[in-house]
Amino acid sequence: MLDLGNGFSGFSVADVPAAREFYGDVLGLDAEEQDGMLWLHLSGGRDVLVYPKGDAHSPASYTVLNFPVDDVPAAVAELRGRGVVFERYEGTPVQTDEDGVFRGGGPLIAWFTDPSGNVLSVIEGS
């Protein structure tokens, strides 16, 4: 019988070693290189496959991973201390504060990118 209950998501990067350093060392995730690819082991037993595309990589134009946190401004401050740069997108309403935290309705959220330009966020919630 076909079992589709063990699916996982994935996205590409230009450079797997750079991604491993960013996701593992900077963000502090459990990141494991295997067969030229990277597995991100997230809480709750969820895994994300990060695979190489080299020069053919095009960054996702949408958020590929959201990290729920209790306190977005505190998470932004901590990640900034680790060298993460937060994004301010053209056309984003003025409700985005000087730290890059969007405060325009809905949960607080702040966006940043990985070394390959893929968009990630810290978002209020659990």
PDB file of N, CA and C in Angstrom:
ATOM      1  N   MET A   1       0.844  -1.181   0.000  1.00  0.00           N
ATOM      2  CA  MET A   1       0.000   0.000   0.000  1.00  0.00           C
ATOM      3  C   MET A   1       0.894   1.250   0.000  1.00  0.00           C
ATOM      4  N   LEU A   2       0.488   2.253  -0.676  1.00  0.00           N
ATOM      5  CA  LEU A   2       1.223   3.511  -0.757  1.00  0.00           C
ATOM      6  C   LEU A   2       1.046   4.304   0.529  1.00  0.00           C
ATOM      7  N   ASP A   3       2.160   4.644   1.195  1.00  0.00           N
ATOM      8  CA  ASP A   3       2.115   5.413   2.434  1.00  0.00           C
ATOM      9  C   ASP A   3       2.717   6.780   2.173  1.00  0.00           C
ATOM     10  N   LEU A   4       1.893   7.809   2.111  1.00  0.00           N
ATOM     11  CA  LEU A   4       2.364   9.169   1.875  1.00  0.00           C
ATOM     12  C   LEU A   4       2.447   9.981   3.170  1.00  0.00           C
ATOM     13  N   GLY A   5       2.362   9.328   4.304  1.00  0.00           N
ATOM     14  CA  GLY A   5       2.345  10.016   5.592  1.00  0.00           C
ATOM     15  C   GLY A   5       3.697  10.483   6.085  1.00  0.00           C
ATOM     16  N   ASN A   6       4.769  10.100   5.407  1.00  0.00           N
ATOM     17  CA  ASN A   6       6.100  10.483   5.877  1.00  0.00           C
ATOM     18  C   ASN A   6       6.762  11.485   4.943  1.00  0.00           C
ATOM     19  N   GLY A   7       5.984  12.415   4.409  1.00  0.00           N
ATOM     20  CA  GLY A   7       6.529  13.425   3.507  1.00  0.00           C
ATOM     21  C   GLY A   7       7.428  14.412   4.235  1.00  0.00           C
ATOM     22  N   PHE A   8       8.211  15.127   3.454  1.00  0.00           N
ATOM     23  CA  PHE A   8       9.069  16.179   3.999  1.00  0.00           C
ATOM     24  C   PHE A   8       9.222  17.243   2.932  1.00  0.00           C
ATOM     25  N   SER A   9       9.603  18.431   3.340  1.00  0.00           N
ATOM     26  CA  SER A   9       9.802  19.505   2.375  1.00  0.00           C
ATOM     27  C   SER A   9      11.290  19.652   2.078  1.00  0.00           C
ATOM     28  N   GLY A  10      11.578  20.410   1.052  1.00  0.00           N
ATOM     29  CA  GLY A  10      12.958  20.643   0.679  1.00  0.00           C
ATOM     30  C   GLY A  10      13.084  21.886  -0.166  1.00  0.00           C
ATOM     31  N   PHE A  11      14.287  22.387  -0.257  1.00  0.00           N
ATOM     32  CA  PHE A  11      14.584  23.531  -1.107  1.00  0.00           C
ATOM     33  C   PHE A  11      16.053  23.481  -1.481  1.00  0.00           C
ATOM     34  N   SER A  12      16.420  24.226  -2.516  1.00  0.00           N
ATOM     35  CA  SER A  12      17.791  24.178  -3.015  1.00  0.00           C
ATOM     36  C   SER A  12      18.646  25.309  -2.463  1.00  0.00           C
ATOM     37  N   VAL A  13      19.958  25.074  -2.519  1.00  0.00           N
ATOM     38  CA  VAL A  13      20.962  26.085  -2.182  1.00  0.00           C
ATOM     39  C   VAL A  13      22.066  26.018  -3.223  1.00  0.00           C
ATOM     40  N   ALA A  14      22.853  27.061  -3.271  1.00  0.00           N
ATOM     41  CA  ALA A  14      23.984  27.089  -4.193  1.00  0.00           C
ATOM     42  C   ALA A  14      25.169  26.298  -3.645  1.00  0.00           C
ATOM     43  N   ASP A  15      25.299  26.229  -2.301  1.00  0.00           N
ATOM     44  CA  ASP A  15      26.492  25.658  -1.679  1.00  0.00           C
ATOM     45  C   ASP A  15      26.096  24.954  -0.379  1.00  0.00           C
ATOM     46  N   VAL A  16      26.160  23.639  -0.371  1.00  0.00           N
ATOM     47  CA  VAL A  16      25.747  22.871   0.809  1.00  0.00           C
ATOM     48  C   VAL A  16      26.642  23.140   2.022  1.00  0.00           C
ATOM     49  N   PRO A  17      27.987  23.173   1.904  1.00  0.00           N
ATOM     50  CA  PRO A  17      28.795  23.468   3.085  1.00  0.00           C
ATOM     51  C   PRO A  17      28.483  24.843   3.706  1.00  0.00           C
ATOM     52  N   ALA A  18      28.244  25.843   2.872  1.00  0.00           N
ATOM     53  CA  ALA A  18      27.880  27.168   3.397  1.00  0.00           C
ATOM     54  C   ALA A  18      26.525  27.093   4.098  1.00  0.00           C
ATOM     55  N   ALA A  19      25.602  26.330   3.536  1.00  0.00           N
ATOM     56  CA  ALA A  19      24.293  26.155   4.167  1.00  0.00           C
ATOM     57  C   ALA A  19      24.431  25.430   5.496  1.00  0.00           C
ATOM     58  N   ARG A  20      25.280  24.389   5.557  1.00  0.00           N
ATOM     59  CA  ARG A  20      25.477  23.665   6.814  1.00  0.00           C
ATOM     60  C   ARG A  20      26.029  24.581   7.896  1.00  0.00           C
ATOM     61  N   GLU A  21      26.986  25.420   7.528  1.00  0.00           N
ATOM     62  CA  GLU A  21      27.543  26.366   8.495  1.00  0.00           C
ATOM     63  C   GLU A  21      26.473  27.341   8.985  1.00  0.00           C
ATOM     64  N   PHE A  22      25.686  27.883   8.062  1.00  0.00           N
ATOM     65  CA  PHE A  22      24.646  28.845   8.440  1.00  0.00           C
ATOM     66  C   PHE A  22      23.571  28.203   9.306  1.00  0.00           C
ATOM     67  N   TYR A  23      22.980  27.120   8.817  1.00  0.00           N
ATOM     68  CA  TYR A  23      21.876  26.492   9.554  1.00  0.00           C
ATOM     69  C   TYR A  23      22.355  25.830  10.843  1.00  0.00           C
ATOM     70  N   GLY A  24      23.521  25.216  10.809  1.00  0.00           N
ATOM     71  CA  GLY A  24      24.031  24.533  11.996  1.00  0.00           C
ATOM     72  C   GLY A  24      24.703  25.464  12.979  1.00  0.00           C
ATOM     73  N   ASP A  25      25.710  26.226  12.504  1.00  0.00           N
ATOM     74  CA  ASP A  25      26.513  27.042  13.412  1.00  0.00           C
ATOM     75  C   ASP A  25      25.853  28.368  13.768  1.00  0.00           C
ATOM     76  N   VAL A  26      25.265  29.051  12.794  1.00  0.00           N
ATOM     77  CA  VAL A  26      24.669  30.368  13.057  1.00  0.00           C
ATOM     78  C   VAL A  26      23.286  30.231  13.689  1.00  0.00           C
ATOM     79  N   LEU A  27      22.411  29.433  13.070  1.00  0.00           N
ATOM     80  CA  LEU A  27      21.055  29.296  13.605  1.00  0.00           C
ATOM     81  C   LEU A  27      20.952  28.268  14.721  1.00  0.00           C
ATOM     82  N   GLY A  28      21.922  27.371  14.821  1.00  0.00           N
ATOM     83  CA  GLY A  28      21.922  26.384  15.899  1.00  0.00           C
ATOM     84  C   GLY A  28      21.009  25.199  15.661  1.00  0.00           C
ATOM     85  N   LEU A  29      20.678  24.925  14.398  1.00  0.00           N
ATOM     86  CA  LEU A  29      19.840  23.773  14.085  1.00  0.00           C
ATOM     87  C   LEU A  29      20.676  22.505  13.992  1.00  0.00           C
ATOM     88  N   ASP A  30      20.040  21.373  14.161  1.00  0.00           N
ATOM     89  CA  ASP A  30      20.690  20.081  13.947  1.00  0.00           C
ATOM     90  C   ASP A  30      20.760  19.882  12.439  1.00  0.00           C
ATOM     91  N   ALA A  31      21.940  20.099  11.866  1.00  0.00           N
ATOM     92  CA  ALA A  31      22.139  20.039  10.421  1.00  0.00           C
ATOM     93  C   ALA A  31      23.150  18.948  10.110  1.00  0.00           C
ATOM     94  N   GLU A  32      22.740  17.990   9.272  1.00  0.00           N
ATOM     95  CA  GLU A  32      23.572  16.824   8.989  1.00  0.00           C
ATOM     96  C   GLU A  32      23.773  16.670   7.482  1.00  0.00           C
ATOM     97  N   GLU A  33      25.044  16.728   7.055  1.00  0.00           N
ATOM     98  CA  GLU A  33      25.366  16.483   5.647  1.00  0.00           C
ATOM     99  C   GLU A  33      25.347  14.986   5.395  1.00  0.00           C
ATOM    100  N   GLN A  34      24.722  14.613   4.273  1.00  0.00           N
ATOM    101  CA  GLN A  34      24.596  13.207   3.924  1.00  0.00           C
ATOM    102  C   GLN A  34      24.477  13.090   2.405  1.00  0.00           C
ATOM    103  N   ASP A  35      25.384  12.373   1.791  1.00  0.00           N
ATOM    104  CA  ASP A  35      25.338  12.144   0.343  1.00  0.00           C
ATOM    105  C   ASP A  35      25.296  13.441  -0.459  1.00  0.00           C
ATOM    106  N   GLY A  36      26.044  14.446  -0.014  1.00  0.00           N
ATOM    107  CA  GLY A  36      26.117  15.714  -0.738  1.00  0.00           C
ATOM    108  C   GLY A  36      24.933  16.636  -0.515  1.00  0.00           C
ATOM    109  N   MET A  37      24.029  16.244   0.378  1.00  0.00           N
ATOM    110  CA  MET A  37      22.867  17.065   0.699  1.00  0.00           C
ATOM    111  C   MET A  37      22.879  17.364   2.196  1.00  0.00           C
ATOM    112  N   LEU A  38      21.983  18.222   2.613  1.00  0.00           N
ATOM    113  CA  LEU A  38      21.905  18.615   4.008  1.00  0.00           C
ATOM    114  C   LEU A  38      20.508  18.298   4.526  1.00  0.00           C
ATOM    115  N   TRP A  39      20.453  17.661   5.686  1.00  0.00           N
ATOM    116  CA  TRP A  39      19.187  17.428   6.370  1.00  0.00           C
ATOM    117  C   TRP A  39      19.117  18.348   7.571  1.00  0.00           C
ATOM    118  N   LEU A  40      18.041  19.105   7.674  1.00  0.00           N
ATOM    119  CA  LEU A  40      17.769  19.909   8.861  1.00  0.00           C
ATOM    120  C   LEU A  40      16.768  19.122   9.686  1.00  0.00           C
ATOM    121  N   HIS A  41      17.165  18.761  10.898  1.00  0.00           N
ATOM    122  CA  HIS A  41      16.296  18.011  11.796  1.00  0.00           C
ATOM    123  C   HIS A  41      15.653  19.014  12.754  1.00  0.00           C
ATOM    124  N   LEU A  42      14.389  19.303  12.529  1.00  0.00           N
ATOM    125  CA  LEU A  42      13.660  20.288  13.323  1.00  0.00           C
ATOM    126  C   LEU A  42      12.920  19.596  14.457  1.00  0.00           C
ATOM    127  N   SER A  43      12.464  20.386  15.409  1.00  0.00           N
ATOM    128  CA  SER A  43      11.744  19.813  16.548  1.00  0.00           C
ATOM    129  C   SER A  43      10.485  19.102  16.071  1.00  0.00           C
ATOM    130  N   GLY A  44      10.028  18.171  16.857  1.00  0.00           N
ATOM    131  CA  GLY A  44       8.834  17.419  16.511  1.00  0.00           C
ATOM    132  C   GLY A  44       9.078  16.335  15.477  1.00  0.00           C
ATOM    133  N   GLY A  45      10.357  16.022  15.220  1.00  0.00           N
ATOM    134  CA  GLY A  45      10.674  14.975  14.274  1.00  0.00           C
ATOM    135  C   GLY A  45      10.513  15.368  12.816  1.00  0.00           C
ATOM    136  N   ARG A  46      10.424  16.661  12.549  1.00  0.00           N
ATOM    137  CA  ARG A  46      10.280  17.125  11.167  1.00  0.00           C
ATOM    138  C   ARG A  46      11.654  17.349  10.551  1.00  0.00           C
ATOM    139  N   ASP A  47      11.820  16.885   9.335  1.00  0.00           N
ATOM    140  CA  ASP A  47      13.077  17.051   8.618  1.00  0.00           C
ATOM    141  C   ASP A  47      12.846  17.863   7.348  1.00  0.00           C
ATOM    142  N   VAL A  48      13.846  18.619   6.963  1.00  0.00           N
ATOM    143  CA  VAL A  48      13.822  19.394   5.722  1.00  0.00           C
ATOM    144  C   VAL A  48      15.083  19.034   4.955  1.00  0.00           C
ATOM    145  N   LEU A  49      14.923  18.714   3.678  1.00  0.00           N
ATOM    146  CA  LEU A  49      16.044  18.401   2.807  1.00  0.00           C
ATOM    147  C   LEU A  49      16.519  19.663   2.107  1.00  0.00           C
ATOM    148  N   VAL A  50      17.809  19.933   2.206  1.00  0.00           N
ATOM    149  CA  VAL A  50      18.432  21.063   1.517  1.00  0.00           C
ATOM    150  C   VAL A  50      19.389  20.456   0.498  1.00  0.00           C
ATOM    151  N   TYR A  51      19.127  20.688  -0.769  1.00  0.00           N
ATOM    152  CA  TYR A  51      19.877  20.012  -1.821  1.00  0.00           C
ATOM    153  C   TYR A  51      20.622  21.018  -2.700  1.00  0.00           C
ATOM    154  N   PRO A  52      21.742  20.611  -3.277  1.00  0.00           N
ATOM    155  CA  PRO A  52      22.566  21.525  -4.059  1.00  0.00           C
ATOM    156  C   PRO A  52      22.053  21.710  -5.490  1.00  0.00           C
ATOM    157  N   LYS A  53      22.140  22.947  -5.959  1.00  0.00           N
ATOM    158  CA  LYS A  53      21.881  23.226  -7.371  1.00  0.00           C
ATOM    159  C   LYS A  53      23.010  24.057  -7.969  1.00  0.00           C
ATOM    160  N   GLY A  54      24.005  24.403  -7.140  1.00  0.00           N
ATOM    161  CA  GLY A  54      25.160  25.136  -7.648  1.00  0.00           C
ATOM    162  C   GLY A  54      24.758  26.405  -8.373  1.00  0.00           C
ATOM    163  N   ASP A  55      25.371  26.633  -9.531  1.00  0.00           N
ATOM    164  CA  ASP A  55      25.096  27.850 -10.297  1.00  0.00           C
ATOM    165  C   ASP A  55      23.670  27.908 -10.827  1.00  0.00           C
ATOM    166  N   ALA A  56      22.973  26.777 -10.864  1.00  0.00           N
ATOM    167  CA  ALA A  56      21.590  26.747 -11.350  1.00  0.00           C
ATOM    168  C   ALA A  56      20.596  27.179 -10.264  1.00  0.00           C
ATOM    169  N   HIS A  57      21.081  27.396  -9.036  1.00  0.00           N
ATOM    170  CA  HIS A  57      20.196  27.776  -7.932  1.00  0.00           C
ATOM    171  C   HIS A  57      19.612  29.167  -8.162  1.00  0.00           C
ATOM    172  N   SER A  58      18.321  29.280  -7.941  1.00  0.00           N
ATOM    173  CA  SER A  58      17.625  30.571  -7.892  1.00  0.00           C
ATOM    174  C   SER A  58      16.952  30.636  -6.535  1.00  0.00           C
ATOM    175  N   PRO A  59      17.214  31.690  -5.755  1.00  0.00           N
ATOM    176  CA  PRO A  59      16.591  31.774  -4.434  1.00  0.00           C
ATOM    177  C   PRO A  59      15.070  31.770  -4.538  1.00  0.00           C
ATOM    178  N   ALA A  60      14.435  31.151  -3.583  1.00  0.00           N
ATOM    179  CA  ALA A  60      12.981  31.166  -3.527  1.00  0.00           C
ATOM    180  C   ALA A  60      12.503  32.600  -3.331  1.00  0.00           C
ATOM    181  N   SER A  61      11.431  32.960  -3.988  1.00  0.00           N
ATOM    182  CA  SER A  61      10.880  34.312  -3.863  1.00  0.00           C
ATOM    183  C   SER A  61       9.815  34.374  -2.766  1.00  0.00           C
ATOM    184  N   TYR A  62       9.751  33.364  -1.964  1.00  0.00           N
ATOM    185  CA  TYR A  62       8.791  33.259  -0.871  1.00  0.00           C
ATOM    186  C   TYR A  62       9.529  32.699   0.342  1.00  0.00           C
ATOM    187  N   THR A  63       8.890  32.697   1.490  1.00  0.00           N
ATOM    188  CA  THR A  63       9.503  32.200   2.711  1.00  0.00           C
ATOM    189  C   THR A  63       9.506  30.669   2.694  1.00  0.00           C
ATOM    190  N   VAL A  64      10.714  30.075   2.738  1.00  0.00           N
ATOM    191  CA  VAL A  64      10.818  28.615   2.691  1.00  0.00           C
ATOM    192  C   VAL A  64      10.737  27.972   4.071  1.00  0.00           C
ATOM    193  N   LEU A  65      11.131  28.706   5.112  1.00  0.00           N
ATOM    194  CA  LEU A  65      11.052  28.189   6.484  1.00  0.00           C
ATOM    195  C   LEU A  65      10.642  29.319   7.420  1.00  0.00           C
ATOM    196  N   ASN A  66       9.695  29.035   8.282  1.00  0.00           N
ATOM    197  CA  ASN A  66       9.276  29.963   9.338  1.00  0.00           C
ATOM    198  C   ASN A  66       9.639  29.328  10.670  1.00  0.00           C
ATOM    199  N   PHE A  67      10.258  30.101  11.531  1.00  0.00           N
ATOM    200  CA  PHE A  67      10.637  29.615  12.858  1.00  0.00           C
ATOM    201  C   PHE A  67       9.779  30.327  13.907  1.00  0.00           C
ATOM    202  N   PRO A  68       8.785  29.641  14.485  1.00  0.00           N
ATOM    203  CA  PRO A  68       7.958  30.266  15.512  1.00  0.00           C
ATOM    204  C   PRO A  68       8.774  30.534  16.778  1.00  0.00           C
ATOM    205  N   VAL A  69       8.620  31.734  17.308  1.00  0.00           N
ATOM    206  CA  VAL A  69       9.302  32.132  18.548  1.00  0.00           C
ATOM    207  C   VAL A  69       8.295  32.869  19.429  1.00  0.00           C
ATOM    208  N   ASP A  70       8.566  32.891  20.730  1.00  0.00           N
ATOM    209  CA  ASP A  70       7.681  33.604  21.653  1.00  0.00           C
ATOM    210  C   ASP A  70       7.861  35.116  21.563  1.00  0.00           C
ATOM    211  N   ASP A  71       9.090  35.571  21.282  1.00  0.00           N
ATOM    212  CA  ASP A  71       9.410  36.993  21.314  1.00  0.00           C
ATOM    213  C   ASP A  71      10.233  37.346  20.070  1.00  0.00           C
ATOM    214  N   VAL A  72       9.572  37.873  19.042  1.00  0.00           N
ATOM    215  CA  VAL A  72      10.254  38.181  17.785  1.00  0.00           C
ATOM    216  C   VAL A  72      11.364  39.217  17.977  1.00  0.00           C
ATOM    217  N   PRO A  73      11.122  40.364  18.652  1.00  0.00           N
ATOM    218  CA  PRO A  73      12.217  41.325  18.818  1.00  0.00           C
ATOM    219  C   PRO A  73      13.436  40.725  19.533  1.00  0.00           C
ATOM    220  N   ALA A  74      13.216  39.873  20.533  1.00  0.00           N
ATOM    221  CA  ALA A  74      14.336  39.232  21.232  1.00  0.00           C
ATOM    222  C   ALA A  74      15.063  38.262  20.307  1.00  0.00           C
ATOM    223  N   ALA A  75      14.318  37.514  19.495  1.00  0.00           N
ATOM    224  CA  ALA A  75      14.944  36.588  18.539  1.00  0.00           C
ATOM    225  C   ALA A  75      15.754  37.355  17.506  1.00  0.00           C
ATOM    226  N   VAL A  76      15.220  38.481  17.022  1.00  0.00           N
ATOM    227  CA  VAL A  76      15.944  39.322  16.065  1.00  0.00           C
ATOM    228  C   VAL A  76      17.248  39.802  16.687  1.00  0.00           C
ATOM    229  N   ALA A  77      17.185  40.280  17.919  1.00  0.00           N
ATOM    230  CA  ALA A  77      18.396  40.773  18.592  1.00  0.00           C
ATOM    231  C   ALA A  77      19.423  39.655  18.744  1.00  0.00           C
ATOM    232  N   GLU A  78      18.982  38.469  19.148  1.00  0.00           N
ATOM    233  CA  GLU A  78      19.919  37.359  19.322  1.00  0.00           C
ATOM    234  C   GLU A  78      20.544  36.951  17.988  1.00  0.00           C
ATOM    235  N   LEU A  79      19.724  36.839  16.957  1.00  0.00           N
ATOM    236  CA  LEU A  79      20.248  36.442  15.652  1.00  0.00           C
ATOM    237  C   LEU A  79      21.157  37.513  15.056  1.00  0.00           C
ATOM    238  N   ARG A  80      20.825  38.781  15.281  1.00  0.00           N
ATOM    239  CA  ARG A  80      21.726  39.859  14.830  1.00  0.00           C
ATOM    240  C   ARG A  80      23.094  39.715  15.482  1.00  0.00           C
ATOM    241  N   GLY A  81      23.111  39.333  16.752  1.00  0.00           N
ATOM    242  CA  GLY A  81      24.362  39.102  17.464  1.00  0.00           C
ATOM    243  C   GLY A  81      25.173  37.960  16.875  1.00  0.00           C
ATOM    244  N   ARG A  82      24.514  37.083  16.141  1.00  0.00           N
ATOM    245  CA  ARG A  82      25.196  35.970  15.479  1.00  0.00           C
ATOM    246  C   ARG A  82      25.540  36.308  14.024  1.00  0.00           C
ATOM    247  N   GLY A  83      25.261  37.559  13.624  1.00  0.00           N
ATOM    248  CA  GLY A  83      25.614  38.003  12.282  1.00  0.00           C
ATOM    249  C   GLY A  83      24.505  37.944  11.251  1.00  0.00           C
ATOM    250  N   VAL A  84      23.287  37.584  11.648  1.00  0.00           N
ATOM    251  CA  VAL A  84      22.174  37.521  10.703  1.00  0.00           C
ATOM    252  C   VAL A  84      21.711  38.936  10.377  1.00  0.00           C
ATOM    253  N   VAL A  85      21.467  39.189   9.098  1.00  0.00           N
ATOM    254  CA  VAL A  85      20.985  40.487   8.626  1.00  0.00           C
ATOM    255  C   VAL A  85      19.510  40.346   8.279  1.00  0.00           C
ATOM    256  N   PHE A  86      18.697  41.243   8.796  1.00  0.00           N
ATOM    257  CA  PHE A  86      17.259  41.193   8.546  1.00  0.00           C
ATOM    258  C   PHE A  86      16.890  42.084   7.371  1.00  0.00           C
ATOM    259  N   GLU A  87      15.851  41.651   6.659  1.00  0.00           N
ATOM    260  CA  GLU A  87      15.443  42.284   5.408  1.00  0.00           C
ATOM    261  C   GLU A  87      14.361  43.334   5.644  1.00  0.00           C
ATOM    262  N   ARG A  88      14.403  44.359   4.817  1.00  0.00           N
ATOM    263  CA  ARG A  88      13.305  45.323   4.706  1.00  0.00           C
ATOM    264  C   ARG A  88      12.982  45.378   3.229  1.00  0.00           C
ATOM    265  N   TYR A  89      11.829  44.869   2.873  1.00  0.00           N
ATOM    266  CA  TYR A  89      11.471  44.743   1.468  1.00  0.00           C
ATOM    267  C   TYR A  89      10.816  46.014   0.949  1.00  0.00           C
ATOM    268  N   GLU A  90      11.183  46.387  -0.288  1.00  0.00           N
ATOM    269  CA  GLU A  90      10.555  47.523  -0.936  1.00  0.00           C
ATOM    270  C   GLU A  90       9.068  47.279  -1.017  1.00  0.00           C
ATOM    271  N   GLY A  91       8.303  48.318  -0.713  1.00  0.00           N
ATOM    272  CA  GLY A  91       6.859  48.187  -0.781  1.00  0.00           C
ATOM    273  C   GLY A  91       6.232  47.646   0.488  1.00  0.00           C
ATOM    274  N   THR A  92       7.069  47.182   1.441  1.00  0.00           N
ATOM    275  CA  THR A  92       6.508  46.725   2.713  1.00  0.00           C
ATOM    276  C   THR A  92       6.017  47.957   3.460  1.00  0.00           C
ATOM    277  N   PRO A  93       4.834  47.883   4.008  1.00  0.00           N
ATOM    278  CA  PRO A  93       4.277  49.055   4.705  1.00  0.00           C
ATOM    279  C   PRO A  93       5.202  49.584   5.798  1.00  0.00           C
ATOM    280  N   VAL A  94       4.977  50.830   6.168  1.00  0.00           N
ATOM    281  CA  VAL A  94       5.803  51.487   7.181  1.00  0.00           C
ATOM    282  C   VAL A  94       5.702  50.812   8.540  1.00  0.00           C
ATOM    283  N   GLN A  95       4.839  49.829   8.680  1.00  0.00           N
ATOM    284  CA  GLN A  95       4.716  49.130   9.954  1.00  0.00           C
ATOM    285  C   GLN A  95       5.911  48.218  10.228  1.00  0.00           C
ATOM    286  N   THR A  96       6.885  48.178   9.317  1.00  0.00           N
ATOM    287  CA  THR A  96       8.115  47.437   9.570  1.00  0.00           C
ATOM    288  C   THR A  96       9.046  48.377  10.322  1.00  0.00           C
ATOM    289  N   ASP A  97       9.436  48.010  11.536  1.00  0.00           N
ATOM    290  CA  ASP A  97      10.245  48.909  12.361  1.00  0.00           C
ATOM    291  C   ASP A  97      11.717  48.892  11.948  1.00  0.00           C
ATOM    292  N   GLU A  98      12.528  49.677  12.636  1.00  0.00           N
ATOM    293  CA  GLU A  98      13.942  49.820  12.298  1.00  0.00           C
ATOM    294  C   GLU A  98      14.728  48.519  12.448  1.00  0.00           C
ATOM    295  N   ASP A  99      14.207  47.561  13.206  1.00  0.00           N
ATOM    296  CA  ASP A  99      14.858  46.259  13.355  1.00  0.00           C
ATOM    297  C   ASP A  99      14.423  45.267  12.283  1.00  0.00           C
ATOM    298  N   GLY A 100      13.465  45.670  11.433  1.00  0.00           N
ATOM    299  CA  GLY A 100      12.974  44.773  10.401  1.00  0.00           C
ATOM    300  C   GLY A 100      11.803  43.924  10.850  1.00  0.00           C
ATOM    301  N   VAL A 101      11.207  44.242  12.009  1.00  0.00           N
ATOM    302  CA  VAL A 101      10.054  43.493  12.505  1.00  0.00           C
ATOM    303  C   VAL A 101       8.792  44.115  11.914  1.00  0.00           C
ATOM    304  N   PHE A 102       8.022  43.306  11.190  1.00  0.00           N
ATOM    305  CA  PHE A 102       6.772  43.773  10.603  1.00  0.00           C
ATOM    306  C   PHE A 102       5.703  43.814  11.673  1.00  0.00           C
ATOM    307  N   ARG A 103       5.113  44.977  11.867  1.00  0.00           N
ATOM    308  CA  ARG A 103       4.098  45.192  12.898  1.00  0.00           C
ATOM    309  C   ARG A 103       2.810  45.715  12.274  1.00  0.00           C
ATOM    310  N   GLY A 104       2.468  45.224  11.095  1.00  0.00           N
ATOM    311  CA  GLY A 104       1.341  45.767  10.351  1.00  0.00           C
ATOM    312  C   GLY A 104       0.075  44.949  10.438  1.00  0.00           C
ATOM    313  N   GLY A 105      -0.101  44.179  11.479  1.00  0.00           N
ATOM    314  CA  GLY A 105      -1.280  43.328  11.609  1.00  0.00           C
ATOM    315  C   GLY A 105      -0.863  41.873  11.522  1.00  0.00           C
ATOM    316  N   GLY A 106      -1.583  41.040  12.217  1.00  0.00           N
ATOM    317  CA  GLY A 106      -1.207  39.633  12.274  1.00  0.00           C
ATOM    318  C   GLY A 106      -0.037  39.449  13.219  1.00  0.00           C
ATOM    319  N   PRO A 107       0.569  38.267  13.192  1.00  0.00           N
ATOM    320  CA  PRO A 107       1.689  38.025  14.112  1.00  0.00           C
ATOM    321  C   PRO A 107       2.910  38.857  13.723  1.00  0.00           C
ATOM    322  N   LEU A 108       3.716  39.199  14.719  1.00  0.00           N
ATOM    323  CA  LEU A 108       4.993  39.860  14.430  1.00  0.00           C
ATOM    324  C   LEU A 108       5.844  38.893  13.625  1.00  0.00           C
ATOM    325  N   ILE A 109       6.585  39.432  12.646  1.00  0.00           N
ATOM    326  CA  ILE A 109       7.422  38.594  11.802  1.00  0.00           C
ATOM    327  C   ILE A 109       8.612  39.410  11.325  1.00  0.00           C
ATOM    328  N   ALA A 110       9.747  38.759  11.175  1.00  0.00           N
ATOM    329  CA  ALA A 110      10.949  39.409  10.631  1.00  0.00           C
ATOM    330  C   ALA A 110      11.606  38.414   9.678  1.00  0.00           C
ATOM    331  N   TRP A 111      12.011  38.907   8.495  1.00  0.00           N
ATOM    332  CA  TRP A 111      12.568  38.051   7.459  1.00  0.00           C
ATOM    333  C   TRP A 111      14.072  38.225   7.329  1.00  0.00           C
ATOM    334  N   PHE A 112      14.740  37.118   6.982  1.00  0.00           N
ATOM    335  CA  PHE A 112      16.175  37.127   6.708  1.00  0.00           C
ATOM    336  C   PHE A 112      16.446  36.064   5.660  1.00  0.00           C
ATOM    337  N   THR A 113      17.660  36.024   5.137  1.00  0.00           N
ATOM    338  CA  THR A 113      17.972  35.058   4.094  1.00  0.00           C
ATOM    339  C   THR A 113      19.145  34.181   4.498  1.00  0.00           C
ATOM    340  N   ASP A 114      19.202  33.000   3.880  1.00  0.00           N
ATOM    341  CA  ASP A 114      20.354  32.127   4.059  1.00  0.00           C
ATOM    342  C   ASP A 114      21.436  32.546   3.058  1.00  0.00           C
ATOM    343  N   PRO A 115      22.617  31.932   3.084  1.00  0.00           N
ATOM    344  CA  PRO A 115      23.695  32.344   2.171  1.00  0.00           C
ATOM    345  C   PRO A 115      23.341  32.213   0.688  1.00  0.00           C
ATOM    346  N   SER A 116      22.319  31.422   0.359  1.00  0.00           N
ATOM    347  CA  SER A 116      21.901  31.268  -1.036  1.00  0.00           C
ATOM    348  C   SER A 116      20.758  32.197  -1.405  1.00  0.00           C
ATOM    349  N   GLY A 117      20.335  33.043  -0.467  1.00  0.00           N
ATOM    350  CA  GLY A 117      19.275  34.011  -0.748  1.00  0.00           C
ATOM    351  C   GLY A 117      17.865  33.520  -0.496  1.00  0.00           C
ATOM    352  N   ASN A 118      17.699  32.294   0.031  1.00  0.00           N
ATOM    353  CA  ASN A 118      16.366  31.796   0.362  1.00  0.00           C
ATOM    354  C   ASN A 118      15.823  32.558   1.563  1.00  0.00           C
ATOM    355  N   VAL A 119      14.540  32.874   1.546  1.00  0.00           N
ATOM    356  CA  VAL A 119      13.910  33.683   2.584  1.00  0.00           C
ATOM    357  C   VAL A 119      13.439  32.801   3.737  1.00  0.00           C
ATOM    358  N   LEU A 120      13.782  33.242   4.949  1.00  0.00           N
ATOM    359  CA  LEU A 120      13.406  32.579   6.198  1.00  0.00           C
ATOM    360  C   LEU A 120      12.751  33.633   7.089  1.00  0.00           C
ATOM    361  N   SER A 121      12.077  33.201   8.132  1.00  0.00           N
ATOM    362  CA  SER A 121      11.518  34.184   9.072  1.00  0.00           C
ATOM    363  C   SER A 121      11.531  33.653  10.494  1.00  0.00           C
ATOM    364  N   VAL A 122      11.492  34.601  11.414  1.00  0.00           N
ATOM    365  CA  VAL A 122      11.084  34.314  12.790  1.00  0.00           C
ATOM    366  C   VAL A 122       9.714  34.947  12.915  1.00  0.00           C
ATOM    367  N   ILE A 123       8.774  34.184  13.430  1.00  0.00           N
ATOM    368  CA  ILE A 123       7.385  34.621  13.492  1.00  0.00           C
ATOM    369  C   ILE A 123       6.817  34.328  14.875  1.00  0.00           C
ATOM    370  N   GLU A 124       6.013  35.246  15.357  1.00  0.00           N
ATOM    371  CA  GLU A 124       5.408  35.096  16.673  1.00  0.00           C
ATOM    372  C   GLU A 124       4.445  33.925  16.685  1.00  0.00           C
ATOM    373  N   GLY A 125       4.634  33.046  17.642  1.00  0.00           N
ATOM    374  CA  GLY A 125       3.735  31.897  17.768  1.00  0.00           C
ATOM    375  C   GLY A 125       4.477  30.690  18.279  1.00  0.00           C
ATOM    376  N   SER A 126       3.720  29.613  18.455  1.00  0.00           N
ATOM    377  CA  SER A 126       4.378  28.391  18.917  1.00  0.00           C
ATOM    378  C   SER A 126       3.929  27.192  18.144  1.00  0.00           C
TER     379      SER A 126
END
